[in-house]
Amino acid sequence: MYLNRKIRIKLDAMFPHYEMTSEQKIKPHTRIIQVGERVRTKFFVNNKLNWKLGVVTHKLGHLHYIVKLDEGREVKRHINQMQKSAIQKEEVISNASD
């Protein structure tokens, strides 16, 4: 390789080298979270780790996601900062009595 470049010859035109697509480059052990799944996300407040619950709304590439938290805020998180959760969102039921 001359100057960090591959030298092209006529054989390269006859037998082209195909690059793997980005979907094929994903390692098989990479976790995948689907849009709409319930997750816990990491938050560091005052240098302490907290977890907040939310729902994945968008997928930004292979490892980044937009999560809508139960408190209404949307945050961008890496997959390493999220865990799948089976905890359902608590619904507030007002007990109005007349």
Protein backbone atom coordinates (compact mmCIF):
# COMPACT_ATOMS: atom_id res chain seq x y z
CA MET A 1 0.00 0.00 0.00
CA TYR A 2 1.52 3.19 -1.19
CA LEU A 3 0.72 6.29 0.91
CA ASN A 4 -1.97 4.30 2.74
CA ARG A 5 -3.93 3.78 -0.46
CA LYS A 6 -4.71 0.58 -2.33
CA ILE A 7 -3.17 0.50 -5.79
CA ARG A 8 -5.86 -0.26 -8.38
CA ILE A 9 -5.08 -2.57 -11.27
CA LYS A 10 -7.17 -4.03 -14.10
CA LEU A 11 -8.02 -7.10 -12.02
CA ASP A 12 -9.80 -4.84 -9.53
CA ALA A 13 -12.22 -3.82 -12.30
CA MET A 14 -12.88 -7.45 -13.22
CA PHE A 15 -13.30 -8.67 -9.64
CA PRO A 16 -14.56 -5.74 -7.56
CA HIS A 17 -14.11 -5.83 -3.82
CA TYR A 18 -17.44 -5.30 -2.08
CA GLU A 19 -17.53 -3.50 1.23
CA MET A 20 -19.78 -4.84 3.94
CA THR A 21 -22.81 -2.66 4.59
CA SER A 22 -23.03 -0.99 7.96
CA GLU A 23 -25.81 -3.41 8.98
CA GLN A 24 -23.47 -6.35 8.36
CA LYS A 25 -20.68 -4.77 10.41
CA ILE A 26 -22.72 -4.90 13.62
CA LYS A 27 -21.27 -7.40 16.00
CA PRO A 28 -23.66 -10.26 16.75
CA HIS A 29 -23.53 -9.63 20.51
CA THR A 30 -24.65 -6.00 20.19
CA ARG A 31 -27.94 -5.48 21.99
CA ILE A 32 -30.78 -4.15 19.89
CA ILE A 33 -33.65 -2.18 21.36
CA GLN A 34 -36.79 -1.64 19.29
CA VAL A 35 -38.75 1.60 19.02
CA GLY A 36 -41.61 1.53 21.53
CA GLU A 37 -39.79 -0.65 24.07
CA ARG A 38 -39.75 0.26 27.74
CA VAL A 39 -36.22 1.03 29.03
CA ARG A 40 -34.34 2.32 32.05
CA THR A 41 -31.83 5.10 31.31
CA LYS A 42 -28.79 6.18 33.33
CA PHE A 43 -28.66 9.65 34.85
CA PHE A 44 -25.88 11.10 36.95
CA VAL A 45 -27.17 13.73 39.38
CA ASN A 46 -24.74 15.20 41.92
CA ASN A 47 -22.22 12.53 40.95
CA LYS A 48 -24.67 9.74 41.88
CA LEU A 49 -26.17 7.21 39.50
CA ASN A 50 -29.94 7.30 39.04
CA TRP A 51 -32.17 5.31 36.69
CA LYS A 52 -35.22 6.81 35.03
CA LEU A 53 -37.87 4.94 33.07
CA GLY A 54 -38.99 5.81 29.58
CA VAL A 55 -39.95 4.58 26.11
CA VAL A 56 -37.72 4.55 23.01
CA THR A 57 -39.18 6.91 20.41
CA HIS A 58 -36.46 7.05 17.71
CA LYS A 59 -33.38 5.10 16.71
CA LEU A 60 -30.38 7.22 15.65
CA GLY A 61 -27.97 4.81 13.99
CA HIS A 62 -26.97 1.51 15.57
CA LEU A 63 -26.15 2.56 19.10
CA HIS A 64 -27.96 5.82 19.85
CA TYR A 65 -31.61 6.26 20.73
CA ILE A 66 -34.05 9.03 21.66
CA VAL A 67 -35.94 8.12 24.84
CA LYS A 68 -39.08 9.87 26.11
CA LEU A 69 -38.99 9.72 29.88
CA ASP A 70 -42.07 9.22 32.05
CA GLU A 71 -41.62 12.78 33.31
CA GLY A 72 -42.11 14.05 29.73
CA ARG A 73 -38.53 14.97 28.78
CA GLU A 74 -36.77 13.52 25.71
CA VAL A 75 -33.10 12.54 25.97
CA LYS A 76 -30.52 11.00 23.63
CA ARG A 77 -28.83 7.91 25.06
CA HIS A 78 -26.21 5.38 23.98
CA ILE A 79 -27.23 1.72 24.19
CA ASN A 80 -24.68 1.24 27.01
CA GLN A 81 -26.67 3.73 29.10
CA MET A 82 -29.95 1.82 28.72
CA GLN A 83 -31.47 -1.45 29.91
CA LYS A 84 -34.70 -3.10 28.85
CA SER A 85 -37.34 -2.88 31.55
CA ALA A 86 -40.49 -4.84 32.31
CA ILE A 87 -41.78 -2.17 34.70
CA GLN A 88 -44.95 -0.65 33.27
CA LYS A 89 -45.70 3.07 33.47
CA GLU A 90 -47.73 3.97 36.50
CA GLU A 91 -51.02 5.54 35.55
CA VAL A 92 -52.36 8.18 37.87
CA ILE A 93 -55.97 7.47 38.72
CA SER A 94 -57.79 10.39 40.26
CA ASN A 95 -60.32 9.32 42.83
CA ALA A 96 -62.83 12.14 42.51
CA SER A 97 -65.73 11.76 44.86
CA ASP A 98 -68.68 14.15 44.93
